[in-house]
Amino acid sequence: MHFPHTDPPEIGKAIEVAEGILWMRLPLPMALNHVNVYAIRENYLNEDGWTLIDTGFDTKKSRLIWEGLLKGPLLGLPIKRIIITHHHPDHIGLAGWFKTKYKAEIWASRTTWLFARMMTLDHNLKPTKETLEFYQAAGMEQNLYNERSKTTPFNFSDVVTHIPLGFQRIQQDDILQIGTRKWSVHMGHGHSPEHATFWSKEDDLVIAGDQILPSISPNLGVYATEPNADPVGEWLESCERLLSHSNDQNFVLPGHKLPFYGLPKRLKQLIENHHSALTRLLEFLKTPKTAVECFEPLFKRQIGSSEYGLALVESVGHLNHLLKAGKINRQRQRDGAWLWQTLD
């Protein structure tokens, strides 16, 4: 793999990564402390302006950074469209703000738009009954369960502005004219349902969102929303399918970390990493374990409090995949936790 840019753009500034495409960053208040966003210069509806790819969280800080970007690197030209790769809040957080304040169109897959709009309606002061049952099923330690059951949870609407009615649907195999290029749409799944990636037909650019990341793996989590989902299986299928479209000349613009070359190699690495994790998990489950007890073989490192939630949902994701494949079974314990075990 090759990284032509060793340093990211400073907050409030932009780097031109290809003709007519600017790369910018927004800060995130978490371990993964940034999200990449992109602006593509174009003449849309007979007006010179920009299409943005993703937006960052809806925070006062993010809005101020965007206002500076609009006056600076974006030259005061109008924002015509916001294209959203997937529904996670660091990517769609300010889409509604751009639509309301700047009259920009929102373009997204139907699942992305519906999921995000639905989740902005939740304002929970305490975890829901279903979420607490999900924690119990995963084997969350009792002291942590007691703490979380009394704590106001993260609400999607905390960092995602209201998403008004009206969007343009993006679908698999669409050809979009963005700037001077035509882009083929290929949907990925697993990290997020109906996650849009964009492949330039004029050159070898790929806008990948979080579907393909260069130095970390996308989180493949299961939540109380769909507790028996198999995001690992969906994501592996997506990687194999996207691999068939890739070549060594692809220049990938990801949702996090640095743009890179070497897409076929990276996809093969990601596929192998998860197959290896599943193999380790099968060996570990020769004796019954809860999802929380599976952190060690899956991640091969100590999981801290800031990573615990993501580790838990990804552990359940890998267990669900093995269960669906008929390689393990599970039994419910009196405390509500599932014990998972490899089949003979």
Protein backbone atom coordinates (compact mmCIF):
# COMPACT_ATOMS: atom_id res chain seq x y z
CA MET A 1 0.00 0.00 0.00
CA HIS A 2 1.09 3.54 -0.75
CA PHE A 3 0.05 6.80 0.94
CA PRO A 4 0.84 9.86 -1.22
CA HIS A 5 -0.11 12.26 1.61
CA THR A 6 1.81 11.65 4.83
CA ASP A 7 -0.11 14.35 6.71
CA PRO A 8 -3.83 15.18 6.72
CA PRO A 9 -5.20 18.68 6.16
CA GLU A 10 -5.22 20.92 9.20
CA ILE A 11 -8.64 21.64 10.66
CA GLY A 12 -10.17 24.48 8.63
CA LYS A 13 -7.95 23.85 5.61
CA ALA A 14 -8.13 21.63 2.53
CA ILE A 15 -5.84 19.54 0.31
CA GLU A 16 -6.62 19.01 -3.37
CA VAL A 17 -6.27 15.22 -3.73
CA ALA A 18 -7.38 15.09 -7.37
CA GLU A 19 -8.45 17.67 -9.93
CA GLY A 20 -11.53 19.41 -8.55
CA ILE A 21 -11.65 17.36 -5.32
CA LEU A 22 -10.76 18.82 -1.90
CA TRP A 23 -10.06 16.71 1.19
CA MET A 24 -10.95 18.21 4.58
CA ARG A 25 -11.26 16.94 8.14
CA LEU A 26 -13.72 17.49 10.97
CA PRO A 27 -12.82 16.64 14.59
CA LEU A 28 -14.63 13.93 16.59
CA PRO A 29 -14.68 13.75 20.42
CA MET A 30 -13.64 10.10 20.64
CA ALA A 31 -10.67 7.77 20.17
CA LEU A 32 -11.11 7.93 16.38
CA ASN A 33 -10.77 11.70 16.53
CA HIS A 34 -11.62 12.75 12.98
CA VAL A 35 -13.75 12.12 9.93
CA ASN A 36 -12.69 12.84 6.35
CA VAL A 37 -15.06 14.87 4.19
CA TYR A 38 -14.66 15.81 0.55
CA ALA A 39 -15.83 18.65 -1.69
CA ILE A 40 -16.15 18.28 -5.48
CA ARG A 41 -16.25 21.43 -7.62
CA GLU A 42 -18.95 21.34 -10.26
CA ASN A 43 -21.54 23.17 -12.27
CA TYR A 44 -24.83 21.78 -11.00
CA LEU A 45 -28.16 23.07 -12.31
CA ASN A 46 -26.22 25.72 -14.25
CA GLU A 47 -24.60 27.17 -11.16
CA ASP A 48 -20.96 26.92 -10.09
CA GLY A 49 -20.65 25.35 -6.65
CA TRP A 50 -19.75 22.26 -4.63
CA THR A 51 -21.04 18.82 -3.85
CA LEU A 52 -19.97 17.61 -0.39
CA ILE A 53 -19.35 13.99 0.50
CA ASP A 54 -20.33 13.56 4.20
CA THR A 55 -20.45 16.26 6.87
CA GLY A 56 -19.14 15.39 10.37
CA PHE A 57 -21.05 15.67 13.66
CA ASP A 58 -23.58 18.39 14.31
CA THR A 59 -21.75 20.39 16.97
CA LYS A 60 -21.16 24.10 17.44
CA LYS A 61 -17.47 23.50 16.70
CA SER A 62 -18.20 21.63 13.47
CA ARG A 63 -20.55 24.38 12.25
CA LEU A 64 -17.92 27.03 12.90
CA ILE A 65 -15.29 24.99 11.04
CA TRP A 66 -17.64 24.57 8.08
CA GLU A 67 -18.40 28.28 8.00
CA GLY A 68 -14.67 28.95 7.84
CA LEU A 69 -14.22 26.36 5.09
CA LEU A 70 -17.07 27.87 3.08
CA LYS A 71 -15.42 31.31 3.17
CA GLY A 72 -11.89 29.94 2.67
CA PRO A 73 -11.04 26.84 0.59
CA LEU A 74 -14.58 26.64 -0.83
CA LEU A 75 -14.30 30.22 -2.13
CA GLY A 76 -17.72 31.36 -0.98
CA LEU A 77 -19.41 29.27 -3.68
CA PRO A 78 -22.74 27.61 -2.85
CA ILE A 79 -23.13 24.06 -1.55
CA LYS A 80 -25.45 22.44 -4.06
CA ARG A 81 -25.60 18.83 -2.85
CA ILE A 82 -24.70 16.72 0.18
CA ILE A 83 -24.00 13.11 -0.76
CA ILE A 84 -24.02 10.81 2.27
CA THR A 85 -22.09 7.53 2.21
CA HIS A 86 -23.96 5.99 5.18
CA HIS A 87 -26.16 6.85 8.14
CA HIS A 88 -23.61 7.01 10.97
CA PRO A 89 -23.65 10.37 12.78
CA ASP A 90 -20.09 11.42 11.91
CA HIS A 91 -21.11 11.22 8.25
CA ILE A 92 -24.68 12.54 8.20
CA GLY A 93 -24.64 14.79 11.27
CA LEU A 94 -24.90 18.14 9.47
CA ALA A 95 -26.82 17.08 6.35
CA GLY A 96 -30.04 18.61 7.65
CA TRP A 97 -28.22 21.84 8.56
CA PHE A 98 -26.86 22.18 5.03
CA LYS A 99 -30.30 21.47 3.56
CA THR A 100 -32.08 23.94 5.83
CA LYS A 101 -29.51 26.76 5.93
CA TYR A 102 -27.92 26.47 2.48
CA LYS A 103 -30.78 24.79 0.55
CA ALA A 104 -28.48 21.93 -0.48
CA GLU A 105 -30.04 18.70 -1.75
CA ILE A 106 -29.49 15.51 0.25
CA TRP A 107 -28.49 12.46 -1.80
CA ALA A 108 -28.32 9.07 -0.05
CA SER A 109 -29.44 5.48 -0.28
CA ARG A 110 -33.01 5.00 0.90
CA THR A 111 -31.86 2.91 3.87
CA THR A 112 -29.36 5.57 4.90
CA TRP A 113 -31.97 8.34 4.83
CA LEU A 114 -34.67 6.32 6.56
CA PHE A 115 -32.36 5.00 9.30
CA ALA A 116 -31.00 8.45 10.06
CA ARG A 117 -34.38 10.15 10.08
CA MET A 118 -35.83 7.39 12.28
CA MET A 119 -32.96 7.56 14.78
CA THR A 120 -33.18 11.33 15.20
CA LEU A 121 -36.63 10.76 16.71
CA ASP A 122 -35.21 8.87 19.72
CA HIS A 123 -34.50 10.94 22.85
CA ASN A 124 -33.92 8.45 25.65
CA LEU A 125 -32.99 9.56 29.16
CA LYS A 126 -32.29 5.95 30.15
CA PRO A 127 -31.38 2.87 28.09
CA THR A 128 -34.41 1.12 26.64
CA LYS A 129 -35.62 -2.22 28.00
CA GLU A 130 -34.44 -3.89 24.78
CA THR A 131 -30.96 -2.40 25.08
CA LEU A 132 -30.60 -3.61 28.68
CA GLU A 133 -31.73 -7.09 27.65
CA PHE A 134 -29.14 -7.00 24.86
CA TYR A 135 -26.41 -6.11 27.38
CA GLN A 136 -27.48 -9.01 29.59
CA ALA A 137 -27.51 -11.40 26.63
CA ALA A 138 -23.94 -10.38 25.78
CA GLY A 139 -22.76 -11.10 29.34
CA MET A 140 -21.96 -7.52 30.37
CA GLU A 141 -20.35 -7.44 33.83
CA GLN A 142 -22.92 -6.69 36.53
CA ASN A 143 -21.24 -3.56 37.90
CA LEU A 144 -20.98 -2.06 34.41
CA TYR A 145 -24.57 -3.09 33.63
CA ASN A 146 -25.79 -1.38 36.80
CA GLU A 147 -23.89 1.78 35.88
CA ARG A 148 -25.13 1.90 32.30
CA SER A 149 -28.73 1.16 33.27
CA LYS A 150 -28.80 4.45 35.23
CA THR A 151 -26.82 6.59 32.76
CA THR A 152 -28.28 8.70 29.97
CA PRO A 153 -27.20 6.91 26.79
CA PHE A 154 -25.77 8.44 23.66
CA ASN A 155 -28.66 9.57 21.49
CA PHE A 156 -28.22 9.85 17.74
CA SER A 157 -29.96 13.23 17.88
CA ASP A 158 -27.24 14.54 20.22
CA VAL A 159 -24.94 15.03 17.22
CA VAL A 160 -27.27 14.80 14.20
CA THR A 161 -29.42 17.76 13.26
CA HIS A 162 -33.06 17.27 12.29
CA ILE A 163 -33.29 15.71 8.83
CA PRO A 164 -36.09 17.41 6.89
CA LEU A 165 -38.27 15.73 4.31
CA GLY A 166 -36.93 15.35 0.80
CA PHE A 167 -33.93 13.46 -0.58
CA GLN A 168 -32.58 12.01 -3.82
CA ARG A 169 -32.20 8.24 -3.71
CA ILE A 170 -28.89 6.57 -4.65
CA GLN A 171 -29.00 2.92 -5.73
CA GLN A 172 -26.64 0.12 -6.71
CA ASP A 173 -25.35 0.54 -10.30
CA ASP A 174 -26.41 4.19 -10.55
CA ILE A 175 -24.13 6.40 -12.63
CA LEU A 176 -23.83 9.85 -11.03
CA GLN A 177 -22.35 12.93 -12.65
CA ILE A 178 -20.38 14.70 -9.91
CA GLY A 179 -18.03 17.40 -11.11
CA THR A 180 -16.27 16.45 -14.32
CA ARG A 181 -16.51 12.71 -13.63
CA LYS A 182 -19.13 10.02 -13.90
CA TRP A 183 -19.19 7.72 -10.85
CA SER A 184 -20.53 4.18 -10.57
CA VAL A 185 -22.32 3.41 -7.30
CA HIS A 186 -21.50 0.15 -5.52
CA MET A 187 -23.26 -0.59 -2.24
CA GLY A 188 -21.55 -2.23 0.69
CA HIS A 189 -23.09 -3.79 3.78
CA GLY A 190 -22.01 -4.90 7.24
CA HIS A 191 -20.57 -1.72 8.72
CA SER A 192 -23.80 0.01 7.72
CA PRO A 193 -26.71 -1.14 5.57
CA GLU A 194 -26.65 0.11 1.99
CA HIS A 195 -23.38 2.00 2.38
CA ALA A 196 -22.63 3.87 -0.87
CA THR A 197 -19.17 3.84 -2.47
CA PHE A 198 -18.37 5.78 -5.65
CA TRP A 199 -16.01 4.63 -8.43
CA SER A 200 -14.91 7.13 -11.07
CA LYS A 201 -15.35 5.95 -14.66
CA GLU A 202 -12.90 8.55 -16.03
CA ASP A 203 -9.98 7.61 -13.79
CA ASP A 204 -9.30 5.27 -10.86
CA LEU A 205 -10.66 7.31 -7.95
CA VAL A 206 -12.78 5.58 -5.30
CA ILE A 207 -14.72 7.40 -2.58
CA ALA A 208 -15.04 4.63 -0.01
CA GLY A 209 -16.56 6.11 3.14
CA ASP A 210 -16.09 3.61 5.98
CA GLN A 211 -16.63 0.54 3.83
CA ILE A 212 -12.89 0.33 3.10
CA LEU A 213 -10.39 1.86 5.54
CA PRO A 214 -6.60 1.72 5.19
CA SER A 215 -5.23 0.92 8.65
CA ILE A 216 -8.23 -0.03 10.78
CA SER A 217 -11.18 -2.32 10.17
CA PRO A 218 -14.71 -0.91 10.08
CA ASN A 219 -16.76 -1.84 13.13
CA LEU A 220 -19.15 -4.71 12.33
CA GLY A 221 -21.56 -4.40 15.20
CA VAL A 222 -24.88 -5.91 16.24
CA TYR A 223 -27.33 -3.83 18.28
CA ALA A 224 -30.64 -4.29 20.05
CA THR A 225 -32.27 -2.93 16.88
CA GLU A 226 -31.54 -6.26 15.09
CA PRO A 227 -29.97 -8.61 17.66
CA ASN A 228 -29.63 -11.60 15.32
CA ALA A 229 -28.05 -9.70 12.41
CA ASP A 230 -24.97 -11.02 10.59
CA PRO A 231 -22.94 -7.91 9.67
CA VAL A 232 -19.73 -9.94 9.39
CA GLY A 233 -21.21 -12.13 6.65
CA GLU A 234 -22.65 -9.12 4.84
CA TRP A 235 -19.35 -7.25 5.03
CA LEU A 236 -17.25 -10.21 3.81
CA GLU A 237 -19.59 -10.60 0.84
CA SER A 238 -19.25 -6.89 0.09
CA CYS A 239 -15.45 -7.04 0.25
CA GLU A 240 -15.32 -9.99 -2.16
CA ARG A 241 -17.66 -8.21 -4.57
CA LEU A 242 -15.79 -4.89 -4.41
CA LEU A 243 -12.50 -6.73 -4.88
CA SER A 244 -13.69 -7.76 -8.35
CA HIS A 245 -13.96 -4.05 -9.30
CA SER A 246 -10.62 -2.99 -7.84
CA ASN A 247 -7.15 -2.55 -9.34
CA ASP A 248 -3.74 -1.38 -8.16
CA GLN A 249 -4.25 2.05 -9.74
CA ASN A 250 -7.29 2.88 -7.60
CA PHE A 251 -6.73 5.93 -5.41
CA VAL A 252 -9.03 5.48 -2.42
CA LEU A 253 -10.51 8.40 -0.49
CA PRO A 254 -11.66 6.87 2.83
CA GLY A 255 -13.88 8.17 5.61
CA HIS A 256 -11.03 8.00 8.14
CA LYS A 257 -7.23 7.89 8.07
CA LEU A 258 -5.21 8.67 4.90
CA PRO A 259 -6.04 8.28 1.19
CA PHE A 260 -4.17 5.34 -0.30
CA TYR A 261 -3.22 3.16 -3.25
CA GLY A 262 -3.26 -0.63 -3.05
CA LEU A 263 -6.98 -1.36 -2.90
CA PRO A 264 -6.85 -5.07 -3.92
CA LYS A 265 -4.22 -5.78 -1.28
CA ARG A 266 -6.17 -3.92 1.40
CA LEU A 267 -9.43 -5.74 0.63
CA LYS A 268 -7.64 -9.09 0.80
CA GLN A 269 -6.06 -8.08 4.13
CA LEU A 270 -9.43 -7.12 5.58
CA ILE A 271 -11.04 -10.37 4.44
CA GLU A 272 -8.18 -12.47 5.84
CA ASN A 273 -8.13 -10.57 9.14
CA HIS A 274 -11.75 -11.44 9.83
CA HIS A 275 -11.41 -15.06 8.73
CA SER A 276 -8.46 -15.35 11.11
CA ALA A 277 -10.49 -13.82 13.92
CA LEU A 278 -13.30 -16.30 13.28
CA THR A 279 -10.83 -19.21 13.36
CA ARG A 280 -9.43 -18.02 16.70
CA LEU A 281 -12.93 -17.64 18.04
CA LEU A 282 -13.91 -21.18 17.07
CA GLU A 283 -10.90 -22.56 18.95
CA PHE A 284 -11.67 -20.38 21.99
CA LEU A 285 -15.28 -21.56 22.10
CA LYS A 286 -14.39 -25.18 22.71
CA THR A 287 -15.47 -24.21 26.22
CA PRO A 288 -18.65 -22.10 26.59
CA LYS A 289 -18.16 -18.34 26.73
CA THR A 290 -20.23 -15.15 26.73
CA ALA A 291 -19.78 -12.50 24.05
CA VAL A 292 -17.88 -10.28 26.49
CA GLU A 293 -15.47 -13.12 27.28
CA CYS A 294 -14.63 -13.34 23.56
CA PHE A 295 -12.81 -9.99 23.46
CA GLU A 296 -9.40 -11.62 23.97
CA PRO A 297 -9.31 -13.94 20.92
CA LEU A 298 -11.06 -11.42 18.68
CA PHE A 299 -9.01 -8.31 19.38
CA LYS A 300 -5.79 -9.75 20.83
CA ARG A 301 -5.40 -6.77 23.14
CA GLN A 302 -6.82 -5.25 26.29
CA ILE A 303 -10.12 -3.46 25.69
CA GLY A 304 -10.46 -0.18 27.59
CA SER A 305 -13.64 1.52 28.74
CA SER A 306 -13.73 3.84 25.71
CA GLU A 307 -13.65 0.84 23.34
CA TYR A 308 -15.89 -1.48 25.35
CA GLY A 309 -19.17 -0.70 23.60
CA LEU A 310 -17.78 -1.15 20.09
CA ALA A 311 -15.98 -4.34 21.15
CA LEU A 312 -19.19 -5.78 22.61
CA VAL A 313 -21.30 -5.23 19.49
CA GLU A 314 -18.54 -6.57 17.22
CA SER A 315 -18.11 -9.65 19.40
CA VAL A 316 -21.82 -10.40 19.02
CA GLY A 317 -21.45 -9.82 15.28
CA HIS A 318 -18.79 -12.50 14.92
CA LEU A 319 -20.70 -14.94 17.11
CA ASN A 320 -23.87 -14.43 15.09
CA HIS A 321 -21.92 -15.18 11.91
CA LEU A 322 -20.59 -18.47 13.27
CA LEU A 323 -24.06 -19.39 14.54
CA LYS A 324 -25.61 -18.70 11.14
CA ALA A 325 -22.86 -20.80 9.53
CA GLY A 326 -23.80 -23.73 11.79
CA LYS A 327 -20.40 -23.85 13.49
CA ILE A 328 -21.45 -22.96 17.05
CA ASN A 329 -24.55 -23.11 19.22
CA ARG A 330 -25.76 -21.09 22.18
CA GLN A 331 -27.72 -21.64 25.37
CA ARG A 332 -29.46 -19.03 27.48
CA GLN A 333 -28.41 -18.89 31.13
CA ARG A 334 -30.60 -17.94 34.09
CA ASP A 335 -29.01 -14.48 34.22
CA GLY A 336 -30.10 -13.85 30.61
CA ALA A 337 -26.65 -14.28 29.05
CA TRP A 338 -26.03 -16.50 26.04
CA LEU A 339 -23.22 -19.03 26.37
CA TRP A 340 -21.71 -19.83 22.98
CA GLN A 341 -19.83 -23.03 22.18
CA THR A 342 -18.21 -24.70 19.18
CA LEU A 343 -20.11 -27.72 17.82
CA ASP A 344 -18.33 -31.06 17.89
